[in-house]
Amino acid sequence: MQQHVLMIDLVDDETMIGEYVAWHASGAVPASVISSIRDSGITAMNIYRVANRLAMVIEVTDDFSFKSKAVSDREDPDVVAWEALMARFQRPLPCAEPGEKWVIGELIFNLTATS
């Protein structure tokens, strides 16, 4: 099992942030989007917020691939609609590549690997 952390910013507007948070309340994310996440090999996902910055922590199966997930997402009309809806709230980090939304964080310290 692998773990990844991804980051993105939200539009810095409390009303929009509140709406984004509401879209992520229990039961608010469409079931088809949840299924797509699980079917891709993501076994756990948590999103944390500080002000307008988000950090998503995912645990994935050994055969998970960000590339395969992206291809699958582009072919799923429900995921495409969800991503379009979320895009109005999200702002890529300044370091994001063109077209990149969530940026994968680099692991720089691991307590378990420390002797």
PDB file of N, CA and C in Angstrom:
ATOM      1  N   MET A   1       0.843  -1.179   0.000  1.00  0.00           N
ATOM      2  CA  MET A   1       0.000   0.000   0.000  1.00  0.00           C
ATOM      3  C   MET A   1       0.887   1.241   0.000  1.00  0.00           C
ATOM      4  N   GLN A   2       0.604   2.149  -0.899  1.00  0.00           N
ATOM      5  CA  GLN A   2       1.345   3.400  -0.990  1.00  0.00           C
ATOM      6  C   GLN A   2       0.444   4.555  -0.557  1.00  0.00           C
ATOM      7  N   GLN A   3       1.068   5.636  -0.136  1.00  0.00           N
ATOM      8  CA  GLN A   3       0.338   6.838   0.246  1.00  0.00           C
ATOM      9  C   GLN A   3       0.904   8.012  -0.542  1.00  0.00           C
ATOM     10  N   HIS A   4       0.005   8.905  -0.983  1.00  0.00           N
ATOM     11  CA  HIS A   4       0.406  10.110  -1.700  1.00  0.00           C
ATOM     12  C   HIS A   4      -0.337  11.293  -1.103  1.00  0.00           C
ATOM     13  N   VAL A   5       0.294  12.457  -1.175  1.00  0.00           N
ATOM     14  CA  VAL A   5      -0.343  13.702  -0.742  1.00  0.00           C
ATOM     15  C   VAL A   5      -0.369  14.637  -1.950  1.00  0.00           C
ATOM     16  N   LEU A   6      -1.547  15.188  -2.233  1.00  0.00           N
ATOM     17  CA  LEU A   6      -1.709  16.115  -3.344  1.00  0.00           C
ATOM     18  C   LEU A   6      -2.235  17.431  -2.801  1.00  0.00           C
ATOM     19  N   MET A   7      -1.853  18.540  -3.446  1.00  0.00           N
ATOM     20  CA  MET A   7      -2.250  19.853  -2.949  1.00  0.00           C
ATOM     21  C   MET A   7      -2.806  20.728  -4.061  1.00  0.00           C
ATOM     22  N   ILE A   8      -3.706  21.612  -3.642  1.00  0.00           N
ATOM     23  CA  ILE A   8      -4.313  22.590  -4.548  1.00  0.00           C
ATOM     24  C   ILE A   8      -4.826  23.737  -3.692  1.00  0.00           C
ATOM     25  N   ASP A   9      -5.044  24.871  -4.301  1.00  0.00           N
ATOM     26  CA  ASP A   9      -5.651  26.004  -3.610  1.00  0.00           C
ATOM     27  C   ASP A   9      -7.098  26.146  -4.053  1.00  0.00           C
ATOM     28  N   LEU A  10      -7.870  26.813  -3.224  1.00  0.00           N
ATOM     29  CA  LEU A  10      -9.231  27.187  -3.578  1.00  0.00           C
ATOM     30  C   LEU A  10      -9.260  28.683  -3.853  1.00  0.00           C
ATOM     31  N   VAL A  11     -10.268  29.122  -4.561  1.00  0.00           N
ATOM     32  CA  VAL A  11     -10.488  30.558  -4.723  1.00  0.00           C
ATOM     33  C   VAL A  11     -10.588  31.123  -3.313  1.00  0.00           C
ATOM     34  N   ASP A  12      -9.878  32.207  -3.067  1.00  0.00           N
ATOM     35  CA  ASP A  12      -9.808  32.766  -1.714  1.00  0.00           C
ATOM     36  C   ASP A  12     -11.040  33.627  -1.416  1.00  0.00           C
ATOM     37  N   ASP A  13     -12.162  32.943  -1.271  1.00  0.00           N
ATOM     38  CA  ASP A  13     -13.444  33.589  -1.003  1.00  0.00           C
ATOM     39  C   ASP A  13     -14.213  32.672  -0.056  1.00  0.00           C
ATOM     40  N   GLU A  14     -14.538  33.160   1.132  1.00  0.00           N
ATOM     41  CA  GLU A  14     -15.151  32.310   2.160  1.00  0.00           C
ATOM     42  C   GLU A  14     -16.475  31.689   1.714  1.00  0.00           C
ATOM     43  N   THR A  15     -17.273  32.413   0.945  1.00  0.00           N
ATOM     44  CA  THR A  15     -18.542  31.858   0.464  1.00  0.00           C
ATOM     45  C   THR A  15     -18.285  30.675  -0.459  1.00  0.00           C
ATOM     46  N   MET A  16     -17.342  30.848  -1.392  1.00  0.00           N
ATOM     47  CA  MET A  16     -17.029  29.757  -2.321  1.00  0.00           C
ATOM     48  C   MET A  16     -16.372  28.585  -1.591  1.00  0.00           C
ATOM     49  N   ILE A  17     -15.515  28.885  -0.635  1.00  0.00           N
ATOM     50  CA  ILE A  17     -14.895  27.806   0.143  1.00  0.00           C
ATOM     51  C   ILE A  17     -15.974  27.025   0.894  1.00  0.00           C
ATOM     52  N   GLY A  18     -16.936  27.732   1.484  1.00  0.00           N
ATOM     53  CA  GLY A  18     -18.035  27.062   2.175  1.00  0.00           C
ATOM     54  C   GLY A  18     -18.829  26.168   1.246  1.00  0.00           C
ATOM     55  N   GLU A  19     -19.054  26.635   0.032  1.00  0.00           N
ATOM     56  CA  GLU A  19     -19.783  25.834  -0.954  1.00  0.00           C
ATOM     57  C   GLU A  19     -18.971  24.595  -1.339  1.00  0.00           C
ATOM     58  N   TYR A  20     -17.668  24.770  -1.531  1.00  0.00           N
ATOM     59  CA  TYR A  20     -16.795  23.641  -1.866  1.00  0.00           C
ATOM     60  C   TYR A  20     -16.825  22.598  -0.750  1.00  0.00           C
ATOM     61  N   VAL A  21     -16.717  23.066   0.490  1.00  0.00           N
ATOM     62  CA  VAL A  21     -16.764  22.159   1.637  1.00  0.00           C
ATOM     63  C   VAL A  21     -18.101  21.416   1.657  1.00  0.00           C
ATOM     64  N   ALA A  22     -19.188  22.116   1.406  1.00  0.00           N
ATOM     65  CA  ALA A  22     -20.517  21.483   1.396  1.00  0.00           C
ATOM     66  C   ALA A  22     -20.608  20.401   0.321  1.00  0.00           C
ATOM     67  N   TRP A  23     -19.994  20.622  -0.833  1.00  0.00           N
ATOM     68  CA  TRP A  23     -19.989  19.616  -1.894  1.00  0.00           C
ATOM     69  C   TRP A  23     -19.240  18.351  -1.481  1.00  0.00           C
ATOM     70  N   HIS A  24     -18.404  18.453  -0.448  1.00  0.00           N
ATOM     71  CA  HIS A  24     -17.633  17.300   0.008  1.00  0.00           C
ATOM     72  C   HIS A  24     -18.169  16.698   1.306  1.00  0.00           C
ATOM     73  N   ALA A  25     -19.314  17.165   1.765  1.00  0.00           N
ATOM     74  CA  ALA A  25     -19.933  16.592   2.966  1.00  0.00           C
ATOM     75  C   ALA A  25     -20.345  15.149   2.679  1.00  0.00           C
ATOM     76  N   SER A  26     -20.500  14.392   3.737  1.00  0.00           N
ATOM     77  CA  SER A  26     -20.896  12.989   3.598  1.00  0.00           C
ATOM     78  C   SER A  26     -22.178  12.878   2.775  1.00  0.00           C
ATOM     79  N   GLY A  27     -22.115  12.092   1.710  1.00  0.00           N
ATOM     80  CA  GLY A  27     -23.270  11.871   0.852  1.00  0.00           C
ATOM     81  C   GLY A  27     -23.420  12.881  -0.272  1.00  0.00           C
ATOM     82  N   ALA A  28     -22.614  13.942  -0.301  1.00  0.00           N
ATOM     83  CA  ALA A  28     -22.776  14.978  -1.322  1.00  0.00           C
ATOM     84  C   ALA A  28     -22.045  14.657  -2.632  1.00  0.00           C
ATOM     85  N   VAL A  29     -20.953  13.937  -2.539  1.00  0.00           N
ATOM     86  CA  VAL A  29     -20.216  13.569  -3.756  1.00  0.00           C
ATOM     87  C   VAL A  29     -21.016  12.480  -4.469  1.00  0.00           C
ATOM     88  N   PRO A  30     -21.255  12.646  -5.767  1.00  0.00           N
ATOM     89  CA  PRO A  30     -22.046  11.640  -6.491  1.00  0.00           C
ATOM     90  C   PRO A  30     -21.471  10.230  -6.349  1.00  0.00           C
ATOM     91  N   ALA A  31     -22.370   9.270  -6.206  1.00  0.00           N
ATOM     92  CA  ALA A  31     -21.960   7.863  -6.030  1.00  0.00           C
ATOM     93  C   ALA A  31     -21.086   7.388  -7.179  1.00  0.00           C
ATOM     94  N   SER A  32     -21.359   7.850  -8.397  1.00  0.00           N
ATOM     95  CA  SER A  32     -20.555   7.420  -9.548  1.00  0.00           C
ATOM     96  C   SER A  32     -19.117   7.934  -9.443  1.00  0.00           C
ATOM     97  N   VAL A  33     -18.935   9.101  -8.853  1.00  0.00           N
ATOM     98  CA  VAL A  33     -17.592   9.647  -8.657  1.00  0.00           C
ATOM     99  C   VAL A  33     -16.864   8.842  -7.580  1.00  0.00           C
ATOM    100  N   ILE A  34     -17.570   8.516  -6.504  1.00  0.00           N
ATOM    101  CA  ILE A  34     -16.983   7.676  -5.451  1.00  0.00           C
ATOM    102  C   ILE A  34     -16.576   6.319  -6.033  1.00  0.00           C
ATOM    103  N   SER A  35     -17.424   5.736  -6.853  1.00  0.00           N
ATOM    104  CA  SER A  35     -17.103   4.447  -7.478  1.00  0.00           C
ATOM    105  C   SER A  35     -15.865   4.551  -8.356  1.00  0.00           C
ATOM    106  N   SER A  36     -15.769   5.636  -9.114  1.00  0.00           N
ATOM    107  CA  SER A  36     -14.607   5.841  -9.976  1.00  0.00           C
ATOM    108  C   SER A  36     -13.321   5.918  -9.157  1.00  0.00           C
ATOM    109  N   ILE A  37     -13.386   6.616  -8.036  1.00  0.00           N
ATOM    110  CA  ILE A  37     -12.221   6.731  -7.154  1.00  0.00           C
ATOM    111  C   ILE A  37     -11.810   5.350  -6.657  1.00  0.00           C
ATOM    112  N   ARG A  38     -12.767   4.623  -6.142  1.00  0.00           N
ATOM    113  CA  ARG A  38     -12.469   3.278  -5.603  1.00  0.00           C
ATOM    114  C   ARG A  38     -11.993   2.322  -6.688  1.00  0.00           C
ATOM    115  N   ASP A  39     -12.647   2.359  -7.862  1.00  0.00           N
ATOM    116  CA  ASP A  39     -12.281   1.454  -8.953  1.00  0.00           C
ATOM    117  C   ASP A  39     -10.874   1.694  -9.472  1.00  0.00           C
ATOM    118  N   SER A  40     -10.336   2.905  -9.263  1.00  0.00           N
ATOM    119  CA  SER A  40      -8.998   3.234  -9.760  1.00  0.00           C
ATOM    120  C   SER A  40      -7.890   2.638  -8.900  1.00  0.00           C
ATOM    121  N   GLY A  41      -8.250   2.146  -7.701  1.00  0.00           N
ATOM    122  CA  GLY A  41      -7.238   1.611  -6.798  1.00  0.00           C
ATOM    123  C   GLY A  41      -6.962   2.513  -5.611  1.00  0.00           C
ATOM    124  N   ILE A  42      -7.752   3.578  -5.460  1.00  0.00           N
ATOM    125  CA  ILE A  42      -7.629   4.422  -4.273  1.00  0.00           C
ATOM    126  C   ILE A  42      -8.468   3.775  -3.180  1.00  0.00           C
ATOM    127  N   THR A  43      -7.812   3.383  -2.089  1.00  0.00           N
ATOM    128  CA  THR A  43      -8.499   2.662  -1.021  1.00  0.00           C
ATOM    129  C   THR A  43      -8.903   3.568   0.134  1.00  0.00           C
ATOM    130  N   ALA A  44      -8.260   4.719   0.247  1.00  0.00           N
ATOM    131  CA  ALA A  44      -8.611   5.692   1.283  1.00  0.00           C
ATOM    132  C   ALA A  44      -8.289   7.080   0.756  1.00  0.00           C
ATOM    133  N   MET A  45      -9.117   8.048   1.129  1.00  0.00           N
ATOM    134  CA  MET A  45      -8.898   9.437   0.709  1.00  0.00           C
ATOM    135  C   MET A  45      -9.420  10.364   1.784  1.00  0.00           C
ATOM    136  N   ASN A  46      -8.587  11.316   2.174  1.00  0.00           N
ATOM    137  CA  ASN A  46      -8.989  12.368   3.101  1.00  0.00           C
ATOM    138  C   ASN A  46      -8.512  13.686   2.519  1.00  0.00           C
ATOM    139  N   ILE A  47      -9.336  14.723   2.656  1.00  0.00           N
ATOM    140  CA  ILE A  47      -8.951  16.059   2.218  1.00  0.00           C
ATOM    141  C   ILE A  47      -8.973  16.965   3.439  1.00  0.00           C
ATOM    142  N   TYR A  48      -7.869  17.694   3.624  1.00  0.00           N
ATOM    143  CA  TYR A  48      -7.721  18.618   4.745  1.00  0.00           C
ATOM    144  C   TYR A  48      -7.632  20.034   4.191  1.00  0.00           C
ATOM    145  N   ARG A  49      -8.093  21.009   4.989  1.00  0.00           N
ATOM    146  CA  ARG A  49      -8.067  22.401   4.550  1.00  0.00           C
ATOM    147  C   ARG A  49      -7.455  23.290   5.616  1.00  0.00           C
ATOM    148  N   VAL A  50      -6.615  24.219   5.182  1.00  0.00           N
ATOM    149  CA  VAL A  50      -6.148  25.334   5.992  1.00  0.00           C
ATOM    150  C   VAL A  50      -6.376  26.569   5.127  1.00  0.00           C
ATOM    151  N   ALA A  51      -7.239  27.466   5.591  1.00  0.00           N
ATOM    152  CA  ALA A  51      -7.590  28.660   4.817  1.00  0.00           C
ATOM    153  C   ALA A  51      -8.057  28.226   3.429  1.00  0.00           C
ATOM    154  N   ASN A  52      -7.355  28.641   2.372  1.00  0.00           N
ATOM    155  CA  ASN A  52      -7.785  28.232   1.028  1.00  0.00           C
ATOM    156  C   ASN A  52      -6.878  27.154   0.416  1.00  0.00           C
ATOM    157  N   ARG A  53      -6.034  26.521   1.229  1.00  0.00           N
ATOM    158  CA  ARG A  53      -5.158  25.453   0.736  1.00  0.00           C
ATOM    159  C   ARG A  53      -5.723  24.095   1.144  1.00  0.00           C
ATOM    160  N   LEU A  54      -5.728  23.169   0.197  1.00  0.00           N
ATOM    161  CA  LEU A  54      -6.184  21.809   0.450  1.00  0.00           C
ATOM    162  C   LEU A  54      -5.035  20.828   0.325  1.00  0.00           C
ATOM    163  N   ALA A  55      -5.070  19.791   1.145  1.00  0.00           N
ATOM    164  CA  ALA A  55      -4.145  18.670   1.031  1.00  0.00           C
ATOM    165  C   ALA A  55      -4.985  17.401   1.006  1.00  0.00           C
ATOM    166  N   MET A  56      -4.806  16.612  -0.028  1.00  0.00           N
ATOM    167  CA  MET A  56      -5.519  15.344  -0.171  1.00  0.00           C
ATOM    168  C   MET A  56      -4.531  14.218   0.099  1.00  0.00           C
ATOM    169  N   VAL A  57      -4.877  13.344   1.019  1.00  0.00           N
ATOM    170  CA  VAL A  57      -4.049  12.186   1.338  1.00  0.00           C
ATOM    171  C   VAL A  57      -4.780  10.958   0.809  1.00  0.00           C
ATOM    172  N   ILE A  58      -4.090  10.215  -0.059  1.00  0.00           N
ATOM    173  CA  ILE A  58      -4.695   9.002  -0.602  1.00  0.00           C
ATOM    174  C   ILE A  58      -3.811   7.800  -0.314  1.00  0.00           C
ATOM    175  N   GLU A  59      -4.458   6.686  -0.080  1.00  0.00           N
ATOM    176  CA  GLU A  59      -3.772   5.402  -0.001  1.00  0.00           C
ATOM    177  C   GLU A  59      -4.228   4.604  -1.206  1.00  0.00           C
ATOM    178  N   VAL A  60      -3.266   3.975  -1.871  1.00  0.00           N
ATOM    179  CA  VAL A  60      -3.560   3.307  -3.136  1.00  0.00           C
ATOM    180  C   VAL A  60      -3.010   1.888  -3.145  1.00  0.00           C
ATOM    181  N   THR A  61      -3.594   1.074  -4.002  1.00  0.00           N
ATOM    182  CA  THR A  61      -3.104  -0.287  -4.196  1.00  0.00           C
ATOM    183  C   THR A  61      -1.769  -0.233  -4.936  1.00  0.00           C
ATOM    184  N   ASP A  62      -1.047  -1.333  -4.919  1.00  0.00           N
ATOM    185  CA  ASP A  62       0.259  -1.380  -5.558  1.00  0.00           C
ATOM    186  C   ASP A  62       0.180  -1.170  -7.070  1.00  0.00           C
ATOM    187  N   ASP A  63      -0.965  -1.489  -7.685  1.00  0.00           N
ATOM    188  CA  ASP A  63      -1.085  -1.332  -9.138  1.00  0.00           C
ATOM    189  C   ASP A  63      -1.741  -0.007  -9.541  1.00  0.00           C
ATOM    190  N   PHE A  64      -1.954   0.893  -8.587  1.00  0.00           N
ATOM    191  CA  PHE A  64      -2.536   2.196  -8.899  1.00  0.00           C
ATOM    192  C   PHE A  64      -1.603   2.989  -9.804  1.00  0.00           C
ATOM    193  N   SER A  65      -2.208   3.738 -10.736  1.00  0.00           N
ATOM    194  CA  SER A  65      -1.436   4.591 -11.646  1.00  0.00           C
ATOM    195  C   SER A  65      -2.175   5.921 -11.819  1.00  0.00           C
ATOM    196  N   PHE A  66      -1.471   7.030 -11.562  1.00  0.00           N
ATOM    197  CA  PHE A  66      -2.064   8.343 -11.795  1.00  0.00           C
ATOM    198  C   PHE A  66      -2.435   8.505 -13.268  1.00  0.00           C
ATOM    199  N   LYS A  67      -1.610   7.978 -14.150  1.00  0.00           N
ATOM    200  CA  LYS A  67      -1.868   8.084 -15.588  1.00  0.00           C
ATOM    201  C   LYS A  67      -3.146   7.327 -15.966  1.00  0.00           C
ATOM    202  N   SER A  68      -3.286   6.110 -15.476  1.00  0.00           N
ATOM    203  CA  SER A  68      -4.495   5.331 -15.769  1.00  0.00           C
ATOM    204  C   SER A  68      -5.740   5.996 -15.194  1.00  0.00           C
ATOM    205  N   LYS A  69      -5.604   6.563 -13.996  1.00  0.00           N
ATOM    206  CA  LYS A  69      -6.732   7.262 -13.368  1.00  0.00           C
ATOM    207  C   LYS A  69      -7.142   8.462 -14.222  1.00  0.00           C
ATOM    208  N   ALA A  70      -6.170   9.213 -14.731  1.00  0.00           N
ATOM    209  CA  ALA A  70      -6.470  10.373 -15.563  1.00  0.00           C
ATOM    210  C   ALA A  70      -7.193   9.969 -16.849  1.00  0.00           C
ATOM    211  N   VAL A  71      -6.733   8.898 -17.476  1.00  0.00           N
ATOM    212  CA  VAL A  71      -7.377   8.410 -18.700  1.00  0.00           C
ATOM    213  C   VAL A  71      -8.812   7.990 -18.399  1.00  0.00           C
ATOM    214  N   SER A  72      -8.992   7.228 -17.345  1.00  0.00           N
ATOM    215  CA  SER A  72     -10.321   6.769 -16.943  1.00  0.00           C
ATOM    216  C   SER A  72     -11.246   7.949 -16.642  1.00  0.00           C
ATOM    217  N   ASP A  73     -10.712   8.951 -15.942  1.00  0.00           N
ATOM    218  CA  ASP A  73     -11.511  10.133 -15.598  1.00  0.00           C
ATOM    219  C   ASP A  73     -11.991  10.864 -16.848  1.00  0.00           C
ATOM    220  N   ARG A  74     -11.119  11.000 -17.842  1.00  0.00           N
ATOM    221  CA  ARG A  74     -11.489  11.707 -19.079  1.00  0.00           C
ATOM    222  C   ARG A  74     -12.572  10.972 -19.858  1.00  0.00           C
ATOM    223  N   GLU A  75     -12.693   9.659 -19.634  1.00  0.00           N
ATOM    224  CA  GLU A  75     -13.674   8.855 -20.365  1.00  0.00           C
ATOM    225  C   GLU A  75     -14.985   8.684 -19.606  1.00  0.00           C
ATOM    226  N   ASP A  76     -15.072   9.202 -18.388  1.00  0.00           N
ATOM    227  CA  ASP A  76     -16.260   9.031 -17.557  1.00  0.00           C
ATOM    228  C   ASP A  76     -17.028  10.354 -17.495  1.00  0.00           C
ATOM    229  N   PRO A  77     -18.208  10.426 -18.130  1.00  0.00           N
ATOM    230  CA  PRO A  77     -18.943  11.697 -18.164  1.00  0.00           C
ATOM    231  C   PRO A  77     -19.313  12.229 -16.777  1.00  0.00           C
ATOM    232  N   ASP A  78     -19.563  11.352 -15.818  1.00  0.00           N
ATOM    233  CA  ASP A  78     -19.888  11.815 -14.465  1.00  0.00           C
ATOM    234  C   ASP A  78     -18.674  12.468 -13.794  1.00  0.00           C
ATOM    235  N   VAL A  79     -17.500  11.879 -13.983  1.00  0.00           N
ATOM    236  CA  VAL A  79     -16.277  12.451 -13.411  1.00  0.00           C
ATOM    237  C   VAL A  79     -15.941  13.761 -14.126  1.00  0.00           C
ATOM    238  N   VAL A  80     -16.112  13.799 -15.442  1.00  0.00           N
ATOM    239  CA  VAL A  80     -15.860  15.031 -16.203  1.00  0.00           C
ATOM    240  C   VAL A  80     -16.763  16.153 -15.685  1.00  0.00           C
ATOM    241  N   ALA A  81     -18.041  15.846 -15.450  1.00  0.00           N
ATOM    242  CA  ALA A  81     -18.986  16.850 -14.938  1.00  0.00           C
ATOM    243  C   ALA A  81     -18.587  17.300 -13.528  1.00  0.00           C
ATOM    244  N   TRP A  82     -18.194  16.350 -12.682  1.00  0.00           N
ATOM    245  CA  TRP A  82     -17.766  16.677 -11.319  1.00  0.00           C
ATOM    246  C   TRP A  82     -16.529  17.578 -11.350  1.00  0.00           C
ATOM    247  N   GLU A  83     -15.548  17.212 -12.162  1.00  0.00           N
ATOM    248  CA  GLU A  83     -14.316  18.001 -12.260  1.00  0.00           C
ATOM    249  C   GLU A  83     -14.602  19.403 -12.783  1.00  0.00           C
ATOM    250  N   ALA A  84     -15.516  19.528 -13.723  1.00  0.00           N
ATOM    251  CA  ALA A  84     -15.886  20.853 -14.237  1.00  0.00           C
ATOM    252  C   ALA A  84     -16.543  21.688 -13.141  1.00  0.00           C
ATOM    253  N   LEU A  85     -17.406  21.061 -12.351  1.00  0.00           N
ATOM    254  CA  LEU A  85     -18.044  21.762 -11.239  1.00  0.00           C
ATOM    255  C   LEU A  85     -17.007  22.205 -10.215  1.00  0.00           C
ATOM    256  N   MET A  86     -16.085  21.326  -9.852  1.00  0.00           N
ATOM    257  CA  MET A  86     -15.075  21.646  -8.843  1.00  0.00           C
ATOM    258  C   MET A  86     -14.069  22.682  -9.350  1.00  0.00           C
ATOM    259  N   ALA A  87     -13.836  22.727 -10.651  1.00  0.00           N
ATOM    260  CA  ALA A  87     -12.840  23.641 -11.217  1.00  0.00           C
ATOM    261  C   ALA A  87     -13.176  25.102 -10.928  1.00  0.00           C
ATOM    262  N   ARG A  88     -14.431  25.424 -10.773  1.00  0.00           N
ATOM    263  CA  ARG A  88     -14.773  26.834 -10.501  1.00  0.00           C
ATOM    264  C   ARG A  88     -14.322  27.270  -9.110  1.00  0.00           C
ATOM    265  N   PHE A  89     -14.071  26.311  -8.221  1.00  0.00           N
ATOM    266  CA  PHE A  89     -13.621  26.609  -6.860  1.00  0.00           C
ATOM    267  C   PHE A  89     -12.102  26.529  -6.723  1.00  0.00           C
ATOM    268  N   GLN A  90     -11.461  25.739  -7.569  1.00  0.00           N
ATOM    269  CA  GLN A  90     -10.058  25.391  -7.404  1.00  0.00           C
ATOM    270  C   GLN A  90      -9.131  26.317  -8.183  1.00  0.00           C
ATOM    271  N   ARG A  91      -7.937  26.511  -7.637  1.00  0.00           N
ATOM    272  CA  ARG A  91      -6.870  27.270  -8.291  1.00  0.00           C
ATOM    273  C   ARG A  91      -5.588  26.466  -8.159  1.00  0.00           C
ATOM    274  N   PRO A  92      -4.979  26.093  -9.281  1.00  0.00           N
ATOM    275  CA  PRO A  92      -3.725  25.331  -9.192  1.00  0.00           C
ATOM    276  C   PRO A  92      -2.651  26.111  -8.439  1.00  0.00           C
ATOM    277  N   LEU A  93      -1.763  25.396  -7.793  1.00  0.00           N
ATOM    278  CA  LEU A  93      -0.633  26.034  -7.124  1.00  0.00           C
ATOM    279  C   LEU A  93       0.234  26.737  -8.164  1.00  0.00           C
ATOM    280  N   PRO A  94       0.948  27.773  -7.769  1.00  0.00           N
ATOM    281  CA  PRO A  94       1.814  28.491  -8.719  1.00  0.00           C
ATOM    282  C   PRO A  94       2.838  27.580  -9.403  1.00  0.00           C
ATOM    283  N   CYS A  95       3.230  26.498  -8.755  1.00  0.00           N
ATOM    284  CA  CYS A  95       4.233  25.590  -9.327  1.00  0.00           C
ATOM    285  C   CYS A  95       3.622  24.529 -10.245  1.00  0.00           C
ATOM    286  N   ALA A  96       2.304  24.511 -10.391  1.00  0.00           N
ATOM    287  CA  ALA A  96       1.648  23.485 -11.208  1.00  0.00           C
ATOM    288  C   ALA A  96       2.026  23.626 -12.671  1.00  0.00           C
ATOM    289  N   GLU A  97       2.145  22.495 -13.328  1.00  0.00           N
ATOM    290  CA  GLU A  97       2.388  22.476 -14.770  1.00  0.00           C
ATOM    291  C   GLU A  97       1.102  22.895 -15.487  1.00  0.00           C
ATOM    292  N   PRO A  98       1.197  23.377 -16.718  1.00  0.00           N
ATOM    293  CA  PRO A  98      -0.022  23.725 -17.457  1.00  0.00           C
ATOM    294  C   PRO A  98      -0.985  22.533 -17.522  1.00  0.00           C
ATOM    295  N   GLY A  99      -2.234  22.780 -17.172  1.00  0.00           N
ATOM    296  CA  GLY A  99      -3.245  21.726 -17.176  1.00  0.00           C
ATOM    297  C   GLY A  99      -3.272  20.872 -15.923  1.00  0.00           C
ATOM    298  N   GLU A 100      -2.316  21.044 -15.031  1.00  0.00           N
ATOM    299  CA  GLU A 100      -2.253  20.254 -13.797  1.00  0.00           C
ATOM    300  C   GLU A 100      -3.077  20.954 -12.715  1.00  0.00           C
ATOM    301  N   LYS A 101      -3.919  20.175 -12.036  1.00  0.00           N
ATOM    302  CA  LYS A 101      -4.709  20.737 -10.943  1.00  0.00           C
ATOM    303  C   LYS A 101      -4.046  20.386  -9.617  1.00  0.00           C
ATOM    304  N   TRP A 102      -4.295  19.208  -9.126  1.00  0.00           N
ATOM    305  CA  TRP A 102      -3.695  18.744  -7.876  1.00  0.00           C
ATOM    306  C   TRP A 102      -2.225  18.433  -8.122  1.00  0.00           C
ATOM    307  N   VAL A 103      -1.348  18.956  -7.288  1.00  0.00           N
ATOM    308  CA  VAL A 103       0.095  18.736  -7.410  1.00  0.00           C
ATOM    309  C   VAL A 103       0.515  17.698  -6.372  1.00  0.00           C
ATOM    310  N   ILE A 104       1.270  16.709  -6.811  1.00  0.00           N
ATOM    311  CA  ILE A 104       1.726  15.646  -5.915  1.00  0.00           C
ATOM    312  C   ILE A 104       2.859  16.175  -5.046  1.00  0.00           C
ATOM    313  N   GLY A 105       2.693  16.044  -3.739  1.00  0.00           N
ATOM    314  CA  GLY A 105       3.712  16.488  -2.802  1.00  0.00           C
ATOM    315  C   GLY A 105       4.886  15.527  -2.760  1.00  0.00           C
ATOM    316  N   GLU A 106       6.043  16.084  -2.512  1.00  0.00           N
ATOM    317  CA  GLU A 106       7.265  15.289  -2.387  1.00  0.00           C
ATOM    318  C   GLU A 106       7.467  14.925  -0.920  1.00  0.00           C
ATOM    319  N   LEU A 107       7.618  13.641  -0.643  1.00  0.00           N
ATOM    320  CA  LEU A 107       7.890  13.174   0.710  1.00  0.00           C
ATOM    321  C   LEU A 107       9.314  13.563   1.094  1.00  0.00           C
ATOM    322  N   ILE A 108       9.454  14.327   2.169  1.00  0.00           N
ATOM    323  CA  ILE A 108      10.788  14.737   2.588  1.00  0.00           C
ATOM    324  C   ILE A 108      11.167  14.205   3.976  1.00  0.00           C
ATOM    325  N   PHE A 109      10.193  13.625   4.699  1.00  0.00           N
ATOM    326  CA  PHE A 109      10.495  13.030   5.996  1.00  0.00           C
ATOM    327  C   PHE A 109       9.493  11.919   6.271  1.00  0.00           C
ATOM    328  N   ASN A 110      10.013  10.788   6.775  1.00  0.00           N
ATOM    329  CA  ASN A 110       9.182   9.648   7.097  1.00  0.00           C
ATOM    330  C   ASN A 110       9.658   9.105   8.441  1.00  0.00           C
ATOM    331  N   LEU A 111       8.867   9.307   9.475  1.00  0.00           N
ATOM    332  CA  LEU A 111       9.239   8.889  10.820  1.00  0.00           C
ATOM    333  C   LEU A 111       9.497   7.398  10.891  1.00  0.00           C
ATOM    334  N   THR A 112       8.710   6.608  10.198  1.00  0.00           N
ATOM    335  CA  THR A 112       8.884   5.149  10.258  1.00  0.00           C
ATOM    336  C   THR A 112      10.221   4.713   9.671  1.00  0.00           C
ATOM    337  N   ALA A 113      10.718   5.465   8.691  1.00  0.00           N
ATOM    338  CA  ALA A 113      11.982   5.111   8.052  1.00  0.00           C
ATOM    339  C   ALA A 113      13.185   5.646   8.830  1.00  0.00           C
ATOM    340  N   THR A 114      12.919   6.379   9.889  1.00  0.00           N
ATOM    341  CA  THR A 114      14.002   6.968  10.686  1.00  0.00           C
ATOM    342  C   THR A 114      14.390   6.040  11.793  1.00  0.00           C
ATOM    343  N   SER A 115      15.687   5.815  11.949  1.00  0.00           N
ATOM    344  CA  SER A 115      16.126   4.910  13.015  1.00  0.00           C
ATOM    345  C   SER A 115      16.307   5.641  14.322  1.00  0.00           C
TER     346      SER A 115
END
